[in-house]
Protein backbone atom coordinates (compact mmCIF):
# COMPACT_ATOMS: atom_id res chain seq x y z
CA UNK A 1 3.70 79.10 64.60
CA UNK A 2 2.20 75.80 65.06
CA UNK A 3 4.37 72.68 64.46
CA UNK A 4 1.47 71.25 62.34
CA UNK A 5 1.24 74.22 60.19
CA UNK A 6 4.91 74.41 59.34
CA UNK A 7 5.78 75.28 55.78
CA UNK A 8 6.38 71.71 54.88
CA UNK A 9 3.05 70.77 56.40
CA UNK A 10 1.63 73.76 54.29
CA UNK A 11 3.10 72.31 51.11
CA UNK A 12 1.75 68.71 51.89
CA UNK A 13 -1.94 70.00 53.12
CA UNK A 14 -1.91 72.14 49.70
CA UNK A 15 -1.19 69.20 47.73
CA UNK A 16 -3.96 67.16 49.12
CA UNK A 17 -6.43 69.82 49.20
CA UNK A 18 -5.90 70.27 45.08
CA UNK A 19 -6.07 66.66 44.62
CA UNK A 20 -9.15 66.62 46.75
CA UNK A 21 -10.73 69.32 44.81
CA UNK A 22 -9.95 67.92 41.37
CA UNK A 23 -11.33 64.40 42.50
CA UNK A 24 -14.38 66.28 43.45
CA UNK A 25 -14.72 67.79 39.90
CA UNK A 26 -13.22 71.28 40.01
CA UNK A 27 -11.17 72.48 37.37
CA UNK A 28 -7.31 72.86 38.05
CA UNK A 29 -7.36 76.31 36.24
CA UNK A 30 -10.10 77.49 38.88
CA UNK A 31 -7.94 76.28 41.59
CA UNK A 32 -5.15 78.21 40.43
CA UNK A 33 -6.76 81.17 40.07
CA UNK A 34 -8.37 81.01 43.40
CA UNK A 35 -6.29 83.49 45.97
CA UNK A 36 -3.73 81.94 48.08
CA UNK A 37 -4.68 83.35 51.24
CA UNK A 38 -8.02 81.74 50.92
CA UNK A 39 -6.40 78.44 50.21
CA UNK A 40 -4.49 78.84 53.31
CA UNK A 41 -7.39 80.02 55.35
CA UNK A 42 -9.14 76.45 53.99
CA UNK A 43 -5.79 74.58 55.10
CA UNK A 44 -6.03 76.11 58.65
CA UNK A 45 -9.88 75.01 58.99
CA UNK A 46 -9.50 71.67 57.49
CA UNK A 47 -6.25 70.83 59.49
CA UNK A 48 -7.36 72.42 62.80
CA UNK A 49 -6.17 70.55 65.80
CA UNK A 50 -8.81 68.94 67.54
CA UNK A 51 -9.62 69.69 71.03
CA UNK A 52 -9.79 66.85 73.42
CA UNK A 53 -11.82 67.12 76.52
CA UNK A 54 -11.90 63.62 77.81
CA UNK A 55 -9.30 60.87 77.90
CA UNK A 56 -12.15 58.93 75.78
CA UNK A 57 -11.79 61.12 72.97
CA UNK A 58 -8.18 60.43 72.06
CA UNK A 59 -7.16 58.35 69.24
C-alpha cells in the first residue's frame, strides 16, 4: 500500500473530503449514506500522486 494512502492518511483525506462537500452545500446525511467504497475511490483519485516528467515540474 502507498505510504500516502495509509489508514491515518485515509482518515485525514476523508475528513477533508466531507468538510469540502458540506461547504459545497451537500447534505451530511446524503454523504453518510454514500457507499464507503465510492468515497475511498474518490479519495484515491483526489489524492493521487502527480507524475513528474521534468525537473521543472517539481514543487
